[in-house]
Amino acid sequence: MAVKRIEHADDHMQECIDNCLEAAQVCEWCADACADEGEEMARCIRLCRDVADIASLHARFMARNSAYHEELGELCADICEECAEECDGHDHDHCQACAEILPDCVESCREMAS
């Protein structure tokens, strides 16, 4: 769970920060585990790595109240959505965890972007 004392973060922003950090963690795990699954997991690995990077960056942008966090939130939501769809197509536990967790990040990032 993220720091709860960020003065400018309302409940919606705090939830989005938490969701982004959780998305980054599950995607790092998934990408690492997919590396052991073979060549057919290359797209999943790439998308998970993209999510891990963009979601952690978005959380940092929100924490510092960057003027660009809304635009970054929309991009984060798009990448998370694509990754969730990819992971949902695989039976591995780590992929299913991503497919389960990422929709919350998509929703909260879209809310932050609007």
C-alpha atoms as a PDB file:
ATOM      1  CA  MET A   1       0.000   0.000   0.000  1.00  0.00           C
ATOM      2  CA  ALA A   2       1.244   3.440  -0.880  1.00  0.00           C
ATOM      3  CA  VAL A   3       1.907   6.325   1.491  1.00  0.00           C
ATOM      4  CA  LYS A   4      -1.374   7.748   2.787  1.00  0.00           C
ATOM      5  CA  ARG A   5      -0.111  11.236   3.676  1.00  0.00           C
ATOM      6  CA  ILE A   6       0.226  12.734   0.206  1.00  0.00           C
ATOM      7  CA  GLU A   7      -1.595  16.014   0.776  1.00  0.00           C
ATOM      8  CA  HIS A   8      -2.823  16.590  -2.774  1.00  0.00           C
ATOM      9  CA  ALA A   9      -4.022  12.997  -3.314  1.00  0.00           C
ATOM     10  CA  ASP A  10      -7.757  12.561  -2.850  1.00  0.00           C
ATOM     11  CA  ASP A  11      -9.282   9.093  -2.427  1.00  0.00           C
ATOM     12  CA  HIS A  12      -9.497   8.518  -6.195  1.00  0.00           C
ATOM     13  CA  MET A  13      -5.861   9.441  -6.787  1.00  0.00           C
ATOM     14  CA  GLN A  14      -4.719   7.352  -3.826  1.00  0.00           C
ATOM     15  CA  GLU A  15      -6.653   4.361  -5.148  1.00  0.00           C
ATOM     16  CA  CYS A  16      -5.077   4.841  -8.571  1.00  0.00           C
ATOM     17  CA  ILE A  17      -1.595   5.031  -7.061  1.00  0.00           C
ATOM     18  CA  ASP A  18      -2.254   1.799  -5.159  1.00  0.00           C
ATOM     19  CA  ASN A  19      -3.648   0.095  -8.276  1.00  0.00           C
ATOM     20  CA  CYS A  20      -0.684   1.194 -10.378  1.00  0.00           C
ATOM     21  CA  LEU A  21       1.821  -0.091  -7.847  1.00  0.00           C
ATOM     22  CA  GLU A  22      -0.011  -3.422  -7.605  1.00  0.00           C
ATOM     23  CA  ALA A  23      -0.139  -3.670 -11.416  1.00  0.00           C
ATOM     24  CA  ALA A  24       3.592  -3.016 -11.632  1.00  0.00           C
ATOM     25  CA  GLN A  25       4.326  -5.731  -9.084  1.00  0.00           C
ATOM     26  CA  VAL A  26       2.127  -8.417 -10.638  1.00  0.00           C
ATOM     27  CA  CYS A  27       3.453  -7.648 -14.114  1.00  0.00           C
ATOM     28  CA  GLU A  28       7.077  -7.895 -12.992  1.00  0.00           C
ATOM     29  CA  TRP A  29       6.259 -11.312 -11.520  1.00  0.00           C
ATOM     30  CA  CYS A  30       4.377 -12.396 -14.634  1.00  0.00           C
ATOM     31  CA  ALA A  31       7.100 -11.272 -17.043  1.00  0.00           C
ATOM     32  CA  ASP A  32       9.723 -13.123 -15.047  1.00  0.00           C
ATOM     33  CA  ALA A  33       7.632 -16.297 -14.845  1.00  0.00           C
ATOM     34  CA  CYS A  34       6.741 -16.114 -18.551  1.00  0.00           C
ATOM     35  CA  ALA A  35      10.429 -16.104 -19.413  1.00  0.00           C
ATOM     36  CA  ASP A  36      10.499 -19.738 -18.294  1.00  0.00           C
ATOM     37  CA  GLU A  37       7.482 -20.664 -20.444  1.00  0.00           C
ATOM     38  CA  GLY A  38       9.107 -20.410 -23.887  1.00  0.00           C
ATOM     39  CA  GLU A  39       9.072 -18.290 -27.045  1.00  0.00           C
ATOM     40  CA  GLU A  40       5.275 -18.216 -27.335  1.00  0.00           C
ATOM     41  CA  MET A  41       5.176 -15.910 -24.295  1.00  0.00           C
ATOM     42  CA  ALA A  42       7.237 -13.097 -25.866  1.00  0.00           C
ATOM     43  CA  ARG A  43       4.258 -10.762 -26.401  1.00  0.00           C
ATOM     44  CA  CYS A  44       3.053 -11.331 -22.849  1.00  0.00           C
ATOM     45  CA  ILE A  45       6.504 -10.562 -21.469  1.00  0.00           C
ATOM     46  CA  ARG A  46       6.785  -7.348 -23.484  1.00  0.00           C
ATOM     47  CA  LEU A  47       3.350  -6.106 -22.450  1.00  0.00           C
ATOM     48  CA  CYS A  48       3.940  -6.967 -18.787  1.00  0.00           C
ATOM     49  CA  ARG A  49       7.239  -5.096 -18.830  1.00  0.00           C
ATOM     50  CA  ASP A  50       5.527  -2.110 -20.461  1.00  0.00           C
ATOM     51  CA  VAL A  51       2.830  -2.144 -17.770  1.00  0.00           C
ATOM     52  CA  ALA A  52       5.373  -2.424 -14.965  1.00  0.00           C
ATOM     53  CA  ASP A  53       7.213   0.624 -16.303  1.00  0.00           C
ATOM     54  CA  ILE A  54       4.225   2.819 -17.213  1.00  0.00           C
ATOM     55  CA  ALA A  55       2.239   1.990 -14.063  1.00  0.00           C
ATOM     56  CA  SER A  56       5.129   2.762 -11.725  1.00  0.00           C
ATOM     57  CA  LEU A  57       5.840   5.962 -13.659  1.00  0.00           C
ATOM     58  CA  HIS A  58       2.180   6.971 -13.469  1.00  0.00           C
ATOM     59  CA  ALA A  59       2.171   6.383  -9.695  1.00  0.00           C
ATOM     60  CA  ARG A  60       5.244   8.597  -9.375  1.00  0.00           C
ATOM     61  CA  PHE A  61       3.681  11.323 -11.551  1.00  0.00           C
ATOM     62  CA  MET A  62       0.577  11.333  -9.346  1.00  0.00           C
ATOM     63  CA  ALA A  63       2.650  11.378  -6.142  1.00  0.00           C
ATOM     64  CA  ARG A  64       4.459  14.518  -7.276  1.00  0.00           C
ATOM     65  CA  ASN A  65       1.264  16.016  -8.740  1.00  0.00           C
ATOM     66  CA  SER A  66       2.762  16.290 -12.215  1.00  0.00           C
ATOM     67  CA  ALA A  67       0.783  18.335 -14.697  1.00  0.00           C
ATOM     68  CA  TYR A  68       1.115  15.368 -17.075  1.00  0.00           C
ATOM     69  CA  HIS A  69      -0.332  12.606 -14.899  1.00  0.00           C
ATOM     70  CA  GLU A  70      -3.716  12.721 -16.646  1.00  0.00           C
ATOM     71  CA  GLU A  71      -2.265  12.118 -20.112  1.00  0.00           C
ATOM     72  CA  LEU A  72      -0.016   9.406 -18.732  1.00  0.00           C
ATOM     73  CA  GLY A  73      -3.037   7.840 -17.021  1.00  0.00           C
ATOM     74  CA  GLU A  74      -4.810   7.334 -20.328  1.00  0.00           C
ATOM     75  CA  LEU A  75      -1.755   5.664 -21.840  1.00  0.00           C
ATOM     76  CA  CYS A  76      -1.342   3.513 -18.732  1.00  0.00           C
ATOM     77  CA  ALA A  77      -4.968   2.401 -18.977  1.00  0.00           C
ATOM     78  CA  ASP A  78      -4.580   1.474 -22.652  1.00  0.00           C
ATOM     79  CA  ILE A  79      -1.457  -0.610 -22.046  1.00  0.00           C
ATOM     80  CA  CYS A  80      -2.941  -2.304 -18.976  1.00  0.00           C
ATOM     81  CA  GLU A  81      -6.062  -3.181 -20.938  1.00  0.00           C
ATOM     82  CA  GLU A  82      -4.065  -4.745 -23.764  1.00  0.00           C
ATOM     83  CA  CYS A  83      -1.899  -6.659 -21.303  1.00  0.00           C
ATOM     84  CA  ALA A  84      -4.939  -7.958 -19.403  1.00  0.00           C
ATOM     85  CA  GLU A  85      -6.409  -9.271 -22.655  1.00  0.00           C
ATOM     86  CA  GLU A  86      -3.132 -10.986 -23.558  1.00  0.00           C
ATOM     87  CA  CYS A  87      -2.690 -12.521 -20.111  1.00  0.00           C
ATOM     88  CA  ASP A  88      -6.284 -13.724 -20.021  1.00  0.00           C
ATOM     89  CA  GLY A  89      -5.477 -15.916 -23.010  1.00  0.00           C
ATOM     90  CA  HIS A  90      -2.903 -17.932 -21.045  1.00  0.00           C
ATOM     91  CA  ASP A  91      -3.612 -20.563 -18.393  1.00  0.00           C
ATOM     92  CA  HIS A  92      -0.575 -19.839 -16.218  1.00  0.00           C
ATOM     93  CA  ASP A  93      -1.325 -18.673 -12.672  1.00  0.00           C
ATOM     94  CA  HIS A  94       0.855 -15.582 -13.088  1.00  0.00           C
ATOM     95  CA  CYS A  95      -0.975 -14.595 -16.277  1.00  0.00           C
ATOM     96  CA  GLN A  96      -4.361 -15.129 -14.662  1.00  0.00           C
ATOM     97  CA  ALA A  97      -3.259 -12.954 -11.727  1.00  0.00           C
ATOM     98  CA  CYS A  98      -2.458 -10.162 -14.184  1.00  0.00           C
ATOM     99  CA  ALA A  99      -5.773 -10.582 -15.984  1.00  0.00           C
ATOM    100  CA  GLU A 100      -7.539 -10.295 -12.622  1.00  0.00           C
ATOM    101  CA  ILE A 101      -5.621  -7.315 -11.209  1.00  0.00           C
ATOM    102  CA  LEU A 102      -5.124  -5.089 -14.260  1.00  0.00           C
ATOM    103  CA  PRO A 103      -8.784  -4.115 -14.861  1.00  0.00           C
ATOM    104  CA  ASP A 104      -8.790  -2.198 -11.559  1.00  0.00           C
ATOM    105  CA  CYS A 105      -5.781  -0.245 -12.766  1.00  0.00           C
ATOM    106  CA  VAL A 106      -7.473   0.418 -16.119  1.00  0.00           C
ATOM    107  CA  GLU A 107     -10.574   1.762 -14.412  1.00  0.00           C
ATOM    108  CA  SER A 108      -8.799   3.988 -11.908  1.00  0.00           C
ATOM    109  CA  CYS A 109      -6.346   5.345 -14.504  1.00  0.00           C
ATOM    110  CA  ARG A 110      -9.210   6.211 -16.864  1.00  0.00           C
ATOM    111  CA  GLU A 111     -10.967   7.952 -14.002  1.00  0.00           C
ATOM    112  CA  MET A 112      -7.824   9.960 -13.278  1.00  0.00           C
ATOM    113  CA  ALA A 113      -7.463  10.840 -16.954  1.00  0.00           C
ATOM    114  CA  SER A 114     -10.981  12.256 -17.210  1.00  0.00           C
END
